[in-house]
PDB file of N, CA and C in Angstrom:
ATOM      1  N   MET A   1     212.405 212.176 138.824  1.00  0.00           N
ATOM      2  CA  MET A   1     211.727 213.054 137.806  1.00  0.00           C
ATOM      3  C   MET A   1     211.874 212.259 136.112  1.00  0.00           C
ATOM      4  N   SER A   2     213.135 212.095 136.194  1.00  0.00           N
ATOM      5  CA  SER A   2     213.306 211.430 134.537  1.00  0.00           C
ATOM      6  C   SER A   2     213.461 210.095 134.211  1.00  0.00           C
ATOM      7  N   ASN A   3     213.048 209.414 135.198  1.00  0.00           N
ATOM      8  CA  ASN A   3     212.824 208.076 134.972  1.00  0.00           C
ATOM      9  C   ASN A   3     211.174 207.878 134.365  1.00  0.00           C
ATOM     10  N   ASN A   4     210.513 208.533 135.364  1.00  0.00           N
ATOM     11  CA  ASN A   4     209.299 208.948 135.268  1.00  0.00           C
ATOM     12  C   ASN A   4     208.824 209.472 133.490  1.00  0.00           C
ATOM     13  N   LEU A   5     209.801 210.332 133.418  1.00  0.00           N
ATOM     14  CA  LEU A   5     210.091 210.772 131.487  1.00  0.00           C
ATOM     15  C   LEU A   5     209.617 209.789 130.913  1.00  0.00           C
ATOM     16  N   ARG A   6     210.865 209.057 131.186  1.00  0.00           N
ATOM     17  CA  ARG A   6     210.902 207.881 130.210  1.00  0.00           C
ATOM     18  C   ARG A   6     209.840 206.781 130.454  1.00  0.00           C
ATOM     19  N   GLN A   7     209.748 206.426 131.326  1.00  0.00           N
ATOM     20  CA  GLN A   7     208.036 206.028 131.733  1.00  0.00           C
ATOM     21  C   GLN A   7     207.194 205.947 130.370  1.00  0.00           C
ATOM     22  N   LEU A   8     206.977 207.691 130.795  1.00  0.00           N
ATOM     23  CA  LEU A   8     205.623 207.974 129.939  1.00  0.00           C
ATOM     24  C   LEU A   8     206.066 207.832 128.453  1.00  0.00           C
ATOM     25  N   ARG A   9     207.686 208.047 128.028  1.00  0.00           N
ATOM     26  CA  ARG A   9     208.126 208.752 126.640  1.00  0.00           C
ATOM     27  C   ARG A   9     207.927 207.089 125.870  1.00  0.00           C
ATOM     28  N   GLU A  10     208.238 205.905 126.825  1.00  0.00           N
ATOM     29  CA  GLU A  10     207.914 204.756 125.914  1.00  0.00           C
ATOM     30  C   GLU A  10     206.617 204.032 126.146  1.00  0.00           C
ATOM     31  N   GLU A  11     205.477 204.446 126.815  1.00  0.00           N
ATOM     32  CA  GLU A  11     204.774 204.178 126.909  1.00  0.00           C
ATOM     33  C   GLU A  11     203.856 203.818 125.788  1.00  0.00           C
ATOM     34  N   ARG A  12     203.080 203.080 125.581  1.00  0.00           N
ATOM     35  CA  ARG A  12     202.473 202.508 124.038  1.00  0.00           C
ATOM     36  C   ARG A  12     201.511 203.065 123.873  1.00  0.00           C
ATOM     37  N   GLY A  13     200.636 203.637 122.780  1.00  0.00           N
ATOM     38  CA  GLY A  13     199.382 204.614 122.834  1.00  0.00           C
ATOM     39  C   GLY A  13     199.213 205.852 122.907  1.00  0.00           C
ATOM     40  N   LEU A  14     200.591 206.246 122.787  1.00  0.00           N
ATOM     41  CA  LEU A  14     201.130 207.475 123.043  1.00  0.00           C
ATOM     42  C   LEU A  14     201.131 208.201 121.460  1.00  0.00           C
ATOM     43  N   ASP A  15     200.843 208.965 120.942  1.00  0.00           N
ATOM     44  CA  ASP A  15     201.066 209.937 119.962  1.00  0.00           C
ATOM     45  C   ASP A  15     202.092 210.623 120.076  1.00  0.00           C
ATOM     46  N   GLN A  16     203.427 210.807 118.124  1.00  0.00           N
ATOM     47  CA  GLN A  16     204.501 210.941 118.365  1.00  0.00           C
ATOM     48  C   GLN A  16     204.347 212.430 118.552  1.00  0.00           C
ATOM     49  N   THR A  17     203.353 213.056 119.060  1.00  0.00           N
ATOM     50  CA  THR A  17     203.631 214.336 119.224  1.00  0.00           C
ATOM     51  C   THR A  17     203.956 214.714 120.811  1.00  0.00           C
ATOM     52  N   LEU A  18     203.185 213.429 121.825  1.00  0.00           N
ATOM     53  CA  LEU A  18     203.732 213.612 122.882  1.00  0.00           C
ATOM     54  C   LEU A  18     204.839 213.175 123.588  1.00  0.00           C
ATOM     55  N   GLN A  19     205.460 212.200 122.733  1.00  0.00           N
ATOM     56  CA  GLN A  19     206.796 211.329 122.594  1.00  0.00           C
ATOM     57  C   GLN A  19     207.906 212.424 122.704  1.00  0.00           C
ATOM     58  N   ASN A  20     207.826 213.467 121.792  1.00  0.00           N
ATOM     59  CA  ASN A  20     208.533 213.911 121.452  1.00  0.00           C
ATOM     60  C   ASN A  20     208.452 215.122 122.365  1.00  0.00           C
ATOM     61  N   LEU A  21     207.600 215.766 122.540  1.00  0.00           N
ATOM     62  CA  LEU A  21     207.531 216.684 124.041  1.00  0.00           C
ATOM     63  C   LEU A  21     208.187 215.456 124.954  1.00  0.00           C
ATOM     64  N   LEU A  22     207.936 214.969 125.754  1.00  0.00           N
ATOM     65  CA  LEU A  22     208.737 214.282 126.080  1.00  0.00           C
ATOM     66  C   LEU A  22     210.198 213.882 126.519  1.00  0.00           C
ATOM     67  N   ARG A  23     210.475 213.530 125.495  1.00  0.00           N
ATOM     68  CA  ARG A  23     211.918 213.466 125.075  1.00  0.00           C
ATOM     69  C   ARG A  23     212.461 214.508 125.182  1.00  0.00           C
ATOM     70  N   ALA A  24     211.961 215.855 124.438  1.00  0.00           N
ATOM     71  CA  ALA A  24     212.723 217.003 124.582  1.00  0.00           C
ATOM     72  C   ALA A  24     212.637 217.275 125.610  1.00  0.00           C
ATOM     73  N   LEU A  25     211.803 217.480 126.827  1.00  0.00           N
ATOM     74  CA  LEU A  25     211.436 217.756 128.438  1.00  0.00           C
ATOM     75  C   LEU A  25     213.274 216.574 128.516  1.00  0.00           C
ATOM     76  N   THR A  26     213.410 215.388 128.320  1.00  0.00           N
ATOM     77  CA  THR A  26     214.259 214.767 129.467  1.00  0.00           C
ATOM     78  C   THR A  26     215.741 215.008 128.487  1.00  0.00           C
ATOM     79  N   LEU A  27     215.827 215.519 128.156  1.00  0.00           N
ATOM     80  CA  LEU A  27     217.121 215.629 126.932  1.00  0.00           C
ATOM     81  C   LEU A  27     217.277 217.369 127.626  1.00  0.00           C
ATOM     82  N   ASN A  28     216.281 218.272 127.749  1.00  0.00           N
ATOM     83  CA  ASN A  28     216.353 219.610 128.231  1.00  0.00           C
ATOM     84  C   ASN A  28     217.032 219.593 129.419  1.00  0.00           C
ATOM     85  N   LEU A  29     216.425 218.050 130.285  1.00  0.00           N
ATOM     86  CA  LEU A  29     216.724 218.390 132.192  1.00  0.00           C
ATOM     87  C   LEU A  29     218.247 217.962 131.995  1.00  0.00           C
ATOM     88  N   GLU A  30     218.400 216.803 131.361  1.00  0.00           N
ATOM     89  CA  GLU A  30     219.959 216.514 131.386  1.00  0.00           C
ATOM     90  C   GLU A  30     221.298 217.731 131.284  1.00  0.00           C
ATOM     91  N   LEU A  31     220.331 218.343 130.140  1.00  0.00           N
ATOM     92  CA  LEU A  31     221.479 218.919 129.762  1.00  0.00           C
ATOM     93  C   LEU A  31     221.511 220.234 130.869  1.00  0.00           C
ATOM     94  N   ARG A  32     220.463 220.425 131.182  1.00  0.00           N
ATOM     95  CA  ARG A  32     220.238 221.818 132.239  1.00  0.00           C
ATOM     96  C   ARG A  32     221.622 221.202 133.426  1.00  0.00           C
ATOM     97  N   ALA A  33     221.199 220.048 134.151  1.00  0.00           N
ATOM     98  CA  ALA A  33     222.145 219.685 134.729  1.00  0.00           C
ATOM     99  C   ALA A  33     223.651 219.562 134.670  1.00  0.00           C
ATOM    100  N   ARG A  34     224.228 219.353 133.519  1.00  0.00           N
ATOM    101  CA  ARG A  34     225.598 219.323 132.888  1.00  0.00           C
ATOM    102  C   ARG A  34     225.800 220.471 133.316  1.00  0.00           C
ATOM    103  N   TYR A  35     224.947 221.617 132.746  1.00  0.00           N
ATOM    104  CA  TYR A  35     225.576 222.845 132.627  1.00  0.00           C
ATOM    105  C   TYR A  35     225.910 223.557 134.271  1.00  0.00           C
ATOM    106  N   ARG A  36     224.790 222.710 134.844  1.00  0.00           N
ATOM    107  CA  ARG A  36     225.644 223.292 136.247  1.00  0.00           C
ATOM    108  C   ARG A  36     227.266 222.977 136.615  1.00  0.00           C
ATOM    109  N   VAL A  37     227.610 222.017 135.945  1.00  0.00           N
ATOM    110  CA  VAL A  37     228.219 220.669 136.766  1.00  0.00           C
ATOM    111  C   VAL A  37     229.747 221.660 136.063  1.00  0.00           C
ATOM    112  N   PHE A  38     229.385 221.758 134.411  1.00  0.00           N
ATOM    113  CA  PHE A  38     230.939 222.448 133.673  1.00  0.00           C
ATOM    114  C   PHE A  38     230.486 223.952 134.505  1.00  0.00           C
ATOM    115  N   GLU A  39     229.877 224.402 134.599  1.00  0.00           N
ATOM    116  CA  GLU A  39     230.131 226.048 135.023  1.00  0.00           C
ATOM    117  C   GLU A  39     230.892 225.937 136.085  1.00  0.00           C
ATOM    118  N   PHE A  40     230.433 225.322 137.286  1.00  0.00           N
ATOM    119  CA  PHE A  40     231.560 224.749 138.452  1.00  0.00           C
ATOM    120  C   PHE A  40     232.670 224.428 137.930  1.00  0.00           C
ATOM    121  N   GLU A  41     232.440 223.703 137.386  1.00  0.00           N
ATOM    122  CA  GLU A  41     234.307 223.169 136.270  1.00  0.00           C
ATOM    123  C   GLU A  41     234.966 224.521 135.844  1.00  0.00           C
ATOM    124  N   ALA A  42     234.179 225.142 135.297  1.00  0.00           N
ATOM    125  CA  ALA A  42     235.165 226.115 134.713  1.00  0.00           C
ATOM    126  C   ALA A  42     235.454 227.151 135.675  1.00  0.00           C
ATOM    127  N   SER A  43     234.746 227.513 136.799  1.00  0.00           N
ATOM    128  CA  SER A  43     234.922 228.493 137.777  1.00  0.00           C
ATOM    129  C   SER A  43     236.202 227.570 138.635  1.00  0.00           C
ATOM    130  N   GLN A  44     236.233 226.465 139.009  1.00  0.00           N
ATOM    131  CA  GLN A  44     237.189 225.908 139.290  1.00  0.00           C
ATOM    132  C   GLN A  44     238.722 225.657 138.920  1.00  0.00           C
ATOM    133  N   ASP A  45     238.163 226.050 137.522  1.00  0.00           N
ATOM    134  CA  ASP A  45     240.189 226.327 136.547  1.00  0.00           C
ATOM    135  C   ASP A  45     239.963 227.523 135.892  1.00  0.00           C
ATOM    136  N   GLY A  46     239.644 228.451 136.967  1.00  0.00           N
ATOM    137  CA  GLY A  46     239.942 229.899 136.972  1.00  0.00           C
ATOM    138  C   GLY A  46     239.060 230.945 135.297  1.00  0.00           C
ATOM    139  N   HIS A  47     238.730 229.691 134.792  1.00  0.00           N
ATOM    140  CA  HIS A  47     237.645 230.256 133.881  1.00  0.00           C
ATOM    141  C   HIS A  47     236.373 231.231 133.737  1.00  0.00           C
ATOM    142  N   THR A  48     236.654 232.049 134.515  1.00  0.00           N
ATOM    143  CA  THR A  48     235.483 232.984 134.243  1.00  0.00           C
ATOM    144  C   THR A  48     234.189 233.137 133.295  1.00  0.00           C
ATOM    145  N   ASP A  49     234.993 233.736 132.364  1.00  0.00           N
ATOM    146  CA  ASP A  49     233.775 234.046 130.972  1.00  0.00           C
ATOM    147  C   ASP A  49     233.410 232.295 130.703  1.00  0.00           C
ATOM    148  N   VAL A  50     233.917 231.731 130.639  1.00  0.00           N
ATOM    149  CA  VAL A  50     233.223 230.316 130.404  1.00  0.00           C
ATOM    150  C   VAL A  50     232.181 229.544 131.511  1.00  0.00           C
ATOM    151  N   ALA A  51     232.737 230.136 132.575  1.00  0.00           N
ATOM    152  CA  ALA A  51     231.375 229.916 134.084  1.00  0.00           C
ATOM    153  C   ALA A  51     230.248 230.490 133.653  1.00  0.00           C
ATOM    154  N   GLU A  52     230.430 232.080 133.200  1.00  0.00           N
ATOM    155  CA  GLU A  52     229.682 232.948 132.884  1.00  0.00           C
ATOM    156  C   GLU A  52     228.268 232.286 131.584  1.00  0.00           C
ATOM    157  N   LEU A  53     229.392 231.796 130.547  1.00  0.00           N
ATOM    158  CA  LEU A  53     228.718 231.092 129.628  1.00  0.00           C
ATOM    159  C   LEU A  53     228.026 230.239 129.679  1.00  0.00           C
ATOM    160  N   PHE A  54     228.060 229.417 130.833  1.00  0.00           N
ATOM    161  CA  PHE A  54     227.425 228.344 130.818  1.00  0.00           C
ATOM    162  C   PHE A  54     226.259 228.473 132.487  1.00  0.00           C
ATOM    163  N   SER A  55     226.376 229.444 133.000  1.00  0.00           N
ATOM    164  CA  SER A  55     225.467 230.014 133.366  1.00  0.00           C
ATOM    165  C   SER A  55     224.305 230.759 132.852  1.00  0.00           C
ATOM    166  N   ARG A  56     224.658 231.502 131.745  1.00  0.00           N
ATOM    167  CA  ARG A  56     223.756 231.747 130.826  1.00  0.00           C
ATOM    168  C   ARG A  56     223.078 230.779 129.746  1.00  0.00           C
ATOM    169  N   MET A  57     223.763 229.636 129.610  1.00  0.00           N
ATOM    170  CA  MET A  57     223.003 228.739 128.911  1.00  0.00           C
ATOM    171  C   MET A  57     222.087 227.750 129.765  1.00  0.00           C
ATOM    172  N   ARG A  58     222.490 227.782 130.932  1.00  0.00           N
ATOM    173  CA  ARG A  58     221.487 227.095 131.901  1.00  0.00           C
ATOM    174  C   ARG A  58     220.145 227.801 132.285  1.00  0.00           C
ATOM    175  N   ILE A  59     220.470 229.131 132.211  1.00  0.00           N
ATOM    176  CA  ILE A  59     219.329 230.167 132.562  1.00  0.00           C
ATOM    177  C   ILE A  59     218.026 229.990 130.840  1.00  0.00           C
ATOM    178  N   ALA A  60     219.028 229.747 130.078  1.00  0.00           N
ATOM    179  CA  ALA A  60     217.886 229.634 128.712  1.00  0.00           C
ATOM    180  C   ALA A  60     217.699 228.738 128.533  1.00  0.00           C
ATOM    181  N   GLU A  61     217.876 227.314 128.807  1.00  0.00           N
ATOM    182  CA  GLU A  61     217.179 226.004 129.310  1.00  0.00           C
ATOM    183  C   GLU A  61     216.806 225.979 129.741  1.00  0.00           C
ATOM    184  N   GLY A  62     216.492 226.561 130.896  1.00  0.00           N
ATOM    185  CA  GLY A  62     215.374 226.899 132.250  1.00  0.00           C
ATOM    186  C   GLY A  62     213.863 226.948 131.368  1.00  0.00           C
ATOM    187  N   GLU A  63     214.326 228.346 130.769  1.00  0.00           N
ATOM    188  CA  GLU A  63     213.228 229.068 129.971  1.00  0.00           C
ATOM    189  C   GLU A  63     212.585 227.883 128.511  1.00  0.00           C
ATOM    190  N   GLN A  64     213.305 227.090 128.006  1.00  0.00           N
ATOM    191  CA  GLN A  64     212.638 226.074 127.369  1.00  0.00           C
ATOM    192  C   GLN A  64     211.862 224.717 128.148  1.00  0.00           C
ATOM    193  N   ILE A  65     212.776 224.504 128.951  1.00  0.00           N
ATOM    194  CA  ILE A  65     211.535 223.428 130.275  1.00  0.00           C
ATOM    195  C   ILE A  65     210.283 224.026 130.297  1.00  0.00           C
ATOM    196  N   ALA A  66     211.173 225.184 130.615  1.00  0.00           N
ATOM    197  CA  ALA A  66     209.104 225.726 131.461  1.00  0.00           C
ATOM    198  C   ALA A  66     208.494 225.996 130.275  1.00  0.00           C
ATOM    199  N   ALA A  67     208.849 226.145 128.525  1.00  0.00           N
ATOM    200  CA  ALA A  67     207.658 226.594 127.398  1.00  0.00           C
ATOM    201  C   ALA A  67     207.471 224.665 127.871  1.00  0.00           C
ATOM    202  N   LEU A  68     208.431 223.583 127.250  1.00  0.00           N
ATOM    203  CA  LEU A  68     207.937 222.278 126.938  1.00  0.00           C
ATOM    204  C   LEU A  68     206.968 221.767 127.736  1.00  0.00           C
ATOM    205  N   MET A  69     207.130 222.484 128.918  1.00  0.00           N
ATOM    206  CA  MET A  69     206.418 222.059 130.326  1.00  0.00           C
ATOM    207  C   MET A  69     204.467 222.188 130.050  1.00  0.00           C
ATOM    208  N   GLU A  70     204.613 223.780 129.260  1.00  0.00           N
ATOM    209  CA  GLU A  70     202.985 224.346 129.243  1.00  0.00           C
ATOM    210  C   GLU A  70     202.537 223.607 128.181  1.00  0.00           C
ATOM    211  N   GLY A  71     203.295 222.628 127.075  1.00  0.00           N
ATOM    212  CA  GLY A  71     203.124 222.165 125.213  1.00  0.00           C
ATOM    213  C   GLY A  71     203.317 220.741 126.129  1.00  0.00           C
ATOM    214  N   LEU A  72     203.715 220.202 127.718  1.00  0.00           N
ATOM    215  CA  LEU A  72     203.265 219.255 127.706  1.00  0.00           C
ATOM    216  C   LEU A  72     201.585 219.317 128.373  1.00  0.00           C
ATOM    217  N   HIS A  73     201.620 220.118 129.090  1.00  0.00           N
ATOM    218  CA  HIS A  73     200.405 220.379 129.809  1.00  0.00           C
ATOM    219  C   HIS A  73     199.515 220.229 129.187  1.00  0.00           C
ATOM    220  N   SER A  74     199.461 221.296 128.170  1.00  0.00           N
ATOM    221  CA  SER A  74     198.262 221.377 127.020  1.00  0.00           C
ATOM    222  C   SER A  74     197.856 220.102 126.676  1.00  0.00           C
ATOM    223  N   ARG A  75     199.258 219.519 126.410  1.00  0.00           N
ATOM    224  CA  ARG A  75     199.039 218.366 125.662  1.00  0.00           C
ATOM    225  C   ARG A  75     198.333 216.927 126.282  1.00  0.00           C
ATOM    226  N   LEU A  76     198.899 216.784 127.690  1.00  0.00           N
ATOM    227  CA  LEU A  76     198.289 216.127 128.382  1.00  0.00           C
ATOM    228  C   LEU A  76     197.269 216.458 128.606  1.00  0.00           C
ATOM    229  N   GLY A  77     196.315 217.891 128.640  1.00  0.00           N
ATOM    230  CA  GLY A  77     195.230 218.019 128.860  1.00  0.00           C
ATOM    231  C   GLY A  77     193.911 217.129 128.050  1.00  0.00           C
ATOM    232  N   ALA A  78     194.458 216.324 126.719  1.00  0.00           N
ATOM    233  CA  ALA A  78     193.815 215.478 125.833  1.00  0.00           C
ATOM    234  C   ALA A  78     193.860 213.791 125.785  1.00  0.00           C
ATOM    235  N   VAL A  79     194.520 213.894 127.145  1.00  0.00           N
ATOM    236  CA  VAL A  79     194.967 212.175 127.293  1.00  0.00           C
ATOM    237  C   VAL A  79     194.449 211.922 128.825  1.00  0.00           C
ATOM    238  N   ASP A  80     193.900 210.781 128.705  1.00  0.00           N
ATOM    239  CA  ASP A  80     193.717 209.660 130.109  1.00  0.00           C
ATOM    240  C   ASP A  80     195.073 210.190 131.119  1.00  0.00           C
ATOM    241  N   ILE A  81     195.284 210.554 132.100  1.00  0.00           N
ATOM    242  CA  ILE A  81     196.166 211.429 132.882  1.00  0.00           C
ATOM    243  C   ILE A  81     196.466 210.494 133.995  1.00  0.00           C
ATOM    244  N   ALA A  82     194.838 209.688 134.551  1.00  0.00           N
ATOM    245  CA  ALA A  82     195.192 208.798 135.415  1.00  0.00           C
ATOM    246  C   ALA A  82     195.527 207.215 134.748  1.00  0.00           C
ATOM    247  N   GLY A  83     195.083 207.278 133.637  1.00  0.00           N
ATOM    248  CA  GLY A  83     195.790 205.916 132.573  1.00  0.00           C
ATOM    249  C   GLY A  83     196.667 205.942 133.322  1.00  0.00           C
ATOM    250  N   LEU A  84     197.751 207.564 132.807  1.00  0.00           N
ATOM    251  CA  LEU A  84     198.897 207.508 132.658  1.00  0.00           C
ATOM    252  C   LEU A  84     199.899 207.367 134.127  1.00  0.00           C
ATOM    253  N   VAL A  85     199.141 207.876 135.291  1.00  0.00           N
ATOM    254  CA  VAL A  85     199.750 208.027 136.721  1.00  0.00           C
ATOM    255  C   VAL A  85     199.807 206.346 137.024  1.00  0.00           C
ATOM    256  N   GLN A  86     198.934 205.481 136.390  1.00  0.00           N
ATOM    257  CA  GLN A  86     198.929 204.239 137.567  1.00  0.00           C
ATOM    258  C   GLN A  86     200.198 203.563 136.360  1.00  0.00           C
ATOM    259  N   SER A  87     199.975 203.537 135.243  1.00  0.00           N
ATOM    260  CA  SER A  87     201.066 202.422 134.551  1.00  0.00           C
ATOM    261  C   SER A  87     202.452 203.343 135.021  1.00  0.00           C
ATOM    262  N   ILE A  88     202.386 204.254 135.717  1.00  0.00           N
ATOM    263  CA  ILE A  88     204.380 204.759 136.293  1.00  0.00           C
ATOM    264  C   ILE A  88     204.098 204.036 137.215  1.00  0.00           C
ATOM    265  N   ASP A  89     202.965 204.305 137.980  1.00  0.00           N
ATOM    266  CA  ASP A  89     203.343 203.369 139.145  1.00  0.00           C
ATOM    267  C   ASP A  89     203.609 201.580 139.485  1.00  0.00           C
TER     268      ASP A  89
END
């Protein structure tokens, strides 16, 4: 998914708003994945309080991702989706 988002983000002809939505979504997806690893490592090190912190941050990141997806979905309604899909394939 991340590679497809990068391809969309780098696609010429996309306005800055769409590029920013895609960039923010990519960063949030990567960060959420890292929080899961950080949570596991904190648990393994016996730092349950820090593991819980990373868990809460991962959940909050998921909420931000959902909001970005909504914004992306509404923005893509104004873009030729078929053309974007063909350029990714």
